[in-house]
N, C-alpha and C. Protein backbone atom coordinates (compact mmCIF):
# COMPACT_ATOMS: atom_id res chain seq x y z
N MET A 1 -16.81 30.18 -10.39
CA MET A 1 -18.11 30.56 -9.88
C MET A 1 -17.92 31.81 -9.02
N LYS A 2 -18.75 32.81 -9.26
CA LYS A 2 -18.68 34.04 -8.51
C LYS A 2 -19.75 34.02 -7.41
N LEU A 3 -19.33 34.30 -6.18
CA LEU A 3 -20.22 34.32 -5.02
C LEU A 3 -19.91 35.55 -4.18
N THR A 4 -20.88 35.99 -3.41
CA THR A 4 -20.55 36.99 -2.40
C THR A 4 -19.98 36.24 -1.20
N ALA A 5 -19.27 36.96 -0.37
CA ALA A 5 -18.71 36.34 0.83
C ALA A 5 -19.83 35.79 1.71
N GLY A 6 -20.97 36.46 1.74
CA GLY A 6 -22.11 35.98 2.52
C GLY A 6 -22.67 34.68 1.98
N GLU A 7 -22.79 34.59 0.64
CA GLU A 7 -23.27 33.35 0.03
C GLU A 7 -22.31 32.21 0.32
N LEU A 8 -21.02 32.48 0.21
CA LEU A 8 -20.01 31.47 0.47
C LEU A 8 -20.07 31.01 1.93
N PHE A 9 -20.16 31.96 2.85
CA PHE A 9 -20.22 31.64 4.28
C PHE A 9 -21.42 30.75 4.57
N ASN A 10 -22.59 31.14 4.09
CA ASN A 10 -23.82 30.38 4.34
C ASN A 10 -23.79 29.02 3.66
N ALA A 11 -23.22 28.94 2.45
CA ALA A 11 -23.13 27.67 1.75
C ALA A 11 -22.21 26.70 2.50
N TYR A 12 -21.10 27.21 3.00
CA TYR A 12 -20.17 26.35 3.73
C TYR A 12 -20.82 25.79 5.00
N VAL A 13 -21.51 26.65 5.73
CA VAL A 13 -22.18 26.22 6.96
C VAL A 13 -23.24 25.16 6.63
N ALA A 14 -24.02 25.40 5.57
CA ALA A 14 -25.05 24.43 5.16
C ALA A 14 -24.43 23.12 4.70
N ALA A 15 -23.34 23.19 3.93
CA ALA A 15 -22.68 21.98 3.45
C ALA A 15 -22.10 21.19 4.61
N GLN A 16 -21.57 21.88 5.61
CA GLN A 16 -21.05 21.20 6.81
C GLN A 16 -22.18 20.43 7.50
N ALA A 17 -23.33 21.08 7.65
CA ALA A 17 -24.46 20.42 8.30
C ALA A 17 -24.95 19.24 7.46
N LEU A 18 -25.01 19.43 6.16
CA LEU A 18 -25.47 18.36 5.27
C LEU A 18 -24.50 17.19 5.26
N SER A 19 -23.22 17.47 5.42
CA SER A 19 -22.22 16.41 5.40
C SER A 19 -22.36 15.46 6.59
N LYS A 20 -23.10 15.87 7.61
CA LYS A 20 -23.32 15.02 8.78
C LYS A 20 -24.49 14.07 8.58
N GLU A 21 -25.24 14.28 7.49
CA GLU A 21 -26.37 13.40 7.17
C GLU A 21 -25.84 12.12 6.50
N LYS A 22 -26.63 11.09 6.55
CA LYS A 22 -26.25 9.85 5.89
C LYS A 22 -26.59 10.00 4.41
N LEU A 23 -25.56 10.14 3.58
CA LEU A 23 -25.71 10.36 2.15
C LEU A 23 -25.13 9.19 1.37
N PRO A 24 -25.59 8.98 0.15
CA PRO A 24 -24.95 7.98 -0.71
C PRO A 24 -23.47 8.34 -0.91
N LEU A 25 -22.66 7.36 -1.17
CA LEU A 25 -21.22 7.54 -1.28
C LEU A 25 -20.83 8.63 -2.27
N LYS A 26 -21.40 8.61 -3.49
CA LYS A 26 -21.04 9.62 -4.48
C LYS A 26 -21.47 11.02 -4.07
N GLY A 27 -22.63 11.14 -3.48
CA GLY A 27 -23.09 12.44 -3.00
C GLY A 27 -22.19 12.98 -1.91
N ALA A 28 -21.80 12.12 -0.97
CA ALA A 28 -20.91 12.52 0.12
C ALA A 28 -19.55 12.94 -0.44
N TYR A 29 -19.06 12.21 -1.44
CA TYR A 29 -17.78 12.54 -2.06
C TYR A 29 -17.82 13.95 -2.66
N TRP A 30 -18.84 14.24 -3.47
CA TRP A 30 -18.92 15.54 -4.13
C TRP A 30 -19.17 16.67 -3.13
N LEU A 31 -19.93 16.41 -2.10
CA LEU A 31 -20.15 17.41 -1.06
C LEU A 31 -18.84 17.72 -0.34
N ASN A 32 -18.05 16.70 -0.10
CA ASN A 32 -16.74 16.89 0.54
C ASN A 32 -15.82 17.71 -0.36
N ARG A 33 -15.87 17.47 -1.66
CA ARG A 33 -15.05 18.27 -2.59
C ARG A 33 -15.46 19.74 -2.56
N ILE A 34 -16.76 19.99 -2.49
CA ILE A 34 -17.25 21.37 -2.39
C ILE A 34 -16.72 22.02 -1.11
N LEU A 35 -16.81 21.31 -0.01
CA LEU A 35 -16.33 21.84 1.26
C LEU A 35 -14.85 22.18 1.20
N ARG A 36 -14.05 21.30 0.62
CA ARG A 36 -12.61 21.55 0.54
C ARG A 36 -12.29 22.76 -0.32
N LYS A 37 -13.06 22.99 -1.38
CA LYS A 37 -12.83 24.15 -2.24
C LYS A 37 -13.25 25.45 -1.56
N LEU A 38 -14.32 25.40 -0.78
CA LEU A 38 -14.83 26.61 -0.12
C LEU A 38 -14.08 26.96 1.16
N GLU A 39 -13.46 25.97 1.78
CA GLU A 39 -12.89 26.16 3.10
C GLU A 39 -11.90 27.33 3.23
N PRO A 40 -10.92 27.50 2.33
CA PRO A 40 -9.98 28.62 2.52
C PRO A 40 -10.69 29.98 2.55
N GLU A 41 -11.62 30.19 1.65
CA GLU A 41 -12.35 31.46 1.63
C GLU A 41 -13.28 31.58 2.83
N TYR A 42 -13.90 30.47 3.22
CA TYR A 42 -14.76 30.49 4.41
C TYR A 42 -13.95 30.91 5.63
N LEU A 43 -12.75 30.37 5.79
CA LEU A 43 -11.92 30.71 6.94
C LEU A 43 -11.56 32.20 6.94
N ALA A 44 -11.29 32.76 5.77
CA ALA A 44 -10.98 34.19 5.67
C ALA A 44 -12.19 35.03 6.07
N VAL A 45 -13.36 34.68 5.56
CA VAL A 45 -14.58 35.42 5.89
C VAL A 45 -14.91 35.24 7.37
N SER A 46 -14.77 34.03 7.87
CA SER A 46 -15.07 33.75 9.27
C SER A 46 -14.14 34.53 10.21
N THR A 47 -12.88 34.66 9.83
CA THR A 47 -11.93 35.43 10.62
C THR A 47 -12.36 36.89 10.70
N GLN A 48 -12.79 37.45 9.56
CA GLN A 48 -13.28 38.83 9.53
C GLN A 48 -14.53 38.97 10.41
N ARG A 49 -15.43 38.01 10.28
CA ARG A 49 -16.67 38.03 11.06
C ARG A 49 -16.37 37.99 12.55
N ASN A 50 -15.46 37.10 12.95
CA ASN A 50 -15.10 36.99 14.36
C ASN A 50 -14.45 38.27 14.88
N ALA A 51 -13.62 38.90 14.05
CA ALA A 51 -13.00 40.17 14.45
C ALA A 51 -14.07 41.24 14.67
N LEU A 52 -15.09 41.25 13.82
CA LEU A 52 -16.17 42.22 13.98
C LEU A 52 -17.01 41.93 15.22
N ILE A 53 -17.19 40.66 15.53
CA ILE A 53 -17.92 40.30 16.75
C ILE A 53 -17.15 40.81 17.97
N LYS A 54 -15.83 40.64 17.98
CA LYS A 54 -15.02 41.14 19.09
C LYS A 54 -15.05 42.67 19.15
N LYS A 55 -15.01 43.29 17.97
CA LYS A 55 -14.99 44.76 17.90
C LYS A 55 -16.29 45.36 18.44
N HIS A 56 -17.41 44.78 18.07
CA HIS A 56 -18.71 45.37 18.42
C HIS A 56 -19.40 44.68 19.59
N GLY A 57 -18.83 43.58 20.07
CA GLY A 57 -19.49 42.81 21.11
C GLY A 57 -18.90 43.00 22.48
N GLU A 58 -19.43 42.25 23.38
CA GLU A 58 -18.97 42.25 24.77
C GLU A 58 -18.64 40.81 25.15
N GLU A 59 -17.62 40.67 25.99
CA GLU A 59 -17.22 39.33 26.42
C GLU A 59 -18.05 38.90 27.62
N LYS A 60 -18.58 37.69 27.51
CA LYS A 60 -19.33 37.08 28.61
C LYS A 60 -18.90 35.63 28.72
N ASP A 61 -18.34 35.27 29.82
CA ASP A 61 -17.89 33.90 30.06
C ASP A 61 -16.94 33.40 28.98
N GLY A 62 -16.04 34.25 28.53
CA GLY A 62 -15.05 33.86 27.54
C GLY A 62 -15.53 33.90 26.10
N ASN A 63 -16.79 34.23 25.89
CA ASN A 63 -17.34 34.33 24.54
C ASN A 63 -17.78 35.76 24.27
N PHE A 64 -17.63 36.17 23.02
CA PHE A 64 -18.07 37.50 22.63
C PHE A 64 -19.45 37.41 22.01
N GLN A 65 -20.32 38.35 22.39
CA GLN A 65 -21.66 38.43 21.84
C GLN A 65 -21.95 39.88 21.48
N VAL A 66 -22.61 40.06 20.35
CA VAL A 66 -23.02 41.40 19.94
C VAL A 66 -24.46 41.58 20.37
N THR A 67 -24.68 42.60 21.17
CA THR A 67 -26.03 42.90 21.64
C THR A 67 -26.20 44.42 21.71
N GLY A 68 -27.43 44.83 21.81
CA GLY A 68 -27.75 46.23 22.08
C GLY A 68 -27.09 47.22 21.14
N ALA A 69 -26.37 48.15 21.73
CA ALA A 69 -25.81 49.29 21.01
C ALA A 69 -24.84 48.87 19.91
N GLY A 70 -24.12 47.79 20.07
CA GLY A 70 -23.15 47.36 19.07
C GLY A 70 -23.75 46.68 17.86
N MET A 71 -25.01 46.29 17.95
CA MET A 71 -25.63 45.50 16.89
C MET A 71 -25.72 46.26 15.57
N ALA A 72 -26.14 47.52 15.59
CA ALA A 72 -26.30 48.28 14.35
C ALA A 72 -24.95 48.44 13.64
N ALA A 73 -23.91 48.75 14.37
CA ALA A 73 -22.58 48.91 13.77
C ALA A 73 -22.07 47.57 13.25
N PHE A 74 -22.32 46.50 13.99
CA PHE A 74 -21.92 45.16 13.54
C PHE A 74 -22.61 44.81 12.23
N ILE A 75 -23.91 45.04 12.16
CA ILE A 75 -24.67 44.72 10.94
C ILE A 75 -24.13 45.52 9.76
N ASP A 76 -23.85 46.79 9.96
CA ASP A 76 -23.29 47.61 8.87
C ASP A 76 -21.96 47.02 8.39
N ASP A 77 -21.10 46.68 9.32
CA ASP A 77 -19.77 46.15 8.95
C ASP A 77 -19.87 44.76 8.32
N ILE A 78 -20.69 43.89 8.88
CA ILE A 78 -20.76 42.52 8.34
C ILE A 78 -21.40 42.54 6.96
N GLU A 79 -22.35 43.44 6.72
CA GLU A 79 -22.94 43.55 5.39
C GLU A 79 -21.89 43.96 4.36
N GLN A 80 -20.96 44.81 4.74
CA GLN A 80 -19.87 45.20 3.84
C GLN A 80 -18.99 43.99 3.52
N VAL A 81 -18.65 43.23 4.54
CA VAL A 81 -17.81 42.04 4.34
C VAL A 81 -18.56 41.02 3.49
N PHE A 82 -19.82 40.74 3.83
CA PHE A 82 -20.59 39.72 3.14
C PHE A 82 -20.93 40.11 1.69
N SER A 83 -20.79 41.37 1.33
CA SER A 83 -21.09 41.79 -0.04
C SER A 83 -19.88 41.68 -0.97
N ILE A 84 -18.72 41.38 -0.44
CA ILE A 84 -17.51 41.23 -1.26
C ILE A 84 -17.69 40.04 -2.20
N GLU A 85 -17.37 40.24 -3.49
CA GLU A 85 -17.47 39.15 -4.46
C GLU A 85 -16.19 38.33 -4.46
N ILE A 86 -16.38 37.02 -4.49
CA ILE A 86 -15.26 36.08 -4.45
C ILE A 86 -15.43 35.10 -5.61
N GLU A 87 -14.35 34.82 -6.29
CA GLU A 87 -14.35 33.82 -7.36
C GLU A 87 -13.80 32.52 -6.79
N VAL A 88 -14.57 31.45 -6.91
CA VAL A 88 -14.11 30.14 -6.44
C VAL A 88 -14.25 29.12 -7.56
N ASP A 89 -13.26 28.25 -7.66
CA ASP A 89 -13.29 27.15 -8.62
C ASP A 89 -13.86 25.97 -7.86
N CYS A 90 -15.15 25.78 -7.98
CA CYS A 90 -15.83 24.80 -7.14
C CYS A 90 -16.73 23.90 -7.97
N PRO A 91 -16.73 22.60 -7.69
CA PRO A 91 -17.62 21.69 -8.41
C PRO A 91 -19.06 21.84 -7.94
N THR A 92 -19.94 21.22 -8.67
CA THR A 92 -21.34 21.13 -8.26
C THR A 92 -21.66 19.65 -8.06
N VAL A 93 -22.79 19.37 -7.45
CA VAL A 93 -23.21 17.99 -7.24
C VAL A 93 -24.61 17.83 -7.83
N LYS A 94 -24.83 16.71 -8.46
CA LYS A 94 -26.15 16.43 -9.01
C LYS A 94 -27.09 16.05 -7.87
N LEU A 95 -28.29 16.60 -7.93
CA LEU A 95 -29.27 16.39 -6.87
C LEU A 95 -29.52 14.91 -6.62
N ASP A 96 -29.59 14.11 -7.68
CA ASP A 96 -29.88 12.68 -7.49
C ASP A 96 -28.76 11.94 -6.75
N LEU A 97 -27.54 12.51 -6.72
CA LEU A 97 -26.44 11.87 -5.98
C LEU A 97 -26.62 12.02 -4.47
N LEU A 98 -27.49 12.94 -4.07
CA LEU A 98 -27.74 13.11 -2.64
C LEU A 98 -28.74 12.08 -2.14
N GLY A 99 -29.31 11.32 -3.06
CA GLY A 99 -30.19 10.21 -2.70
C GLY A 99 -31.54 10.67 -2.20
N ASP A 100 -32.20 9.75 -1.54
CA ASP A 100 -33.54 10.01 -1.02
C ASP A 100 -33.49 10.45 0.44
N THR A 101 -32.35 10.91 0.88
CA THR A 101 -32.20 11.37 2.25
C THR A 101 -33.16 12.52 2.51
N GLU A 102 -33.81 12.50 3.65
CA GLU A 102 -34.67 13.62 4.01
C GLU A 102 -33.77 14.75 4.46
N ILE A 103 -33.73 15.79 3.62
CA ILE A 103 -32.85 16.92 3.87
C ILE A 103 -33.71 18.14 4.18
N ASP A 104 -33.36 18.83 5.24
CA ASP A 104 -34.04 20.06 5.61
C ASP A 104 -33.88 21.05 4.46
N GLY A 105 -35.00 21.56 3.95
CA GLY A 105 -34.97 22.50 2.83
C GLY A 105 -34.14 23.73 3.12
N GLY A 106 -34.04 24.10 4.38
CA GLY A 106 -33.22 25.25 4.76
C GLY A 106 -31.75 25.04 4.46
N LEU A 107 -31.31 23.80 4.40
CA LEU A 107 -29.92 23.51 4.05
C LEU A 107 -29.69 23.64 2.56
N LEU A 108 -30.72 23.36 1.77
CA LEU A 108 -30.55 23.38 0.33
C LEU A 108 -30.55 24.79 -0.26
N VAL A 109 -31.22 25.71 0.37
CA VAL A 109 -31.29 27.08 -0.17
C VAL A 109 -29.90 27.70 -0.32
N PRO A 110 -29.05 27.69 0.71
CA PRO A 110 -27.71 28.27 0.54
C PRO A 110 -26.83 27.49 -0.43
N LEU A 111 -27.20 26.24 -0.72
CA LEU A 111 -26.40 25.40 -1.61
C LEU A 111 -26.92 25.39 -3.05
N ASP A 112 -27.89 26.21 -3.33
CA ASP A 112 -28.55 26.22 -4.64
C ASP A 112 -27.56 26.30 -5.80
N LYS A 113 -26.55 27.12 -5.69
CA LYS A 113 -25.58 27.29 -6.79
C LYS A 113 -24.66 26.07 -6.96
N PHE A 114 -24.69 25.18 -5.99
CA PHE A 114 -23.79 24.02 -6.02
C PHE A 114 -24.50 22.73 -6.38
N ILE A 115 -25.81 22.80 -6.57
CA ILE A 115 -26.59 21.60 -6.84
C ILE A 115 -27.22 21.69 -8.23
N GLU A 116 -26.98 20.64 -9.03
CA GLU A 116 -27.58 20.53 -10.37
C GLU A 116 -28.78 19.61 -10.31
N GLU A 117 -29.75 19.85 -11.16
CA GLU A 117 -30.90 18.94 -11.22
C GLU A 117 -30.58 17.78 -12.12
């Protein structure tokens, strides 16, 4: 499956949030498999993102934040990183395996490529 680094990053974050929901056993299993397949690439993208936050941000109370003048340069750089295409060998999960759990639609949008009807 071909994804941009941005799609992969957002899908991993959404899958992490969804994994905290009470899901049927099979749905939770397949979601966990997706997370394990995406994790190495997510960590690489996240490391790049964090480096850019440090590069363009300011430290406040031990945390770096991008604000003001650094924001435009950060956005330019992160868009370059997030546009990189990545090939991942990742399973999909059937929608019905996620059960009747009330899932925030915002979580499903980034996971669209990983969910079958």
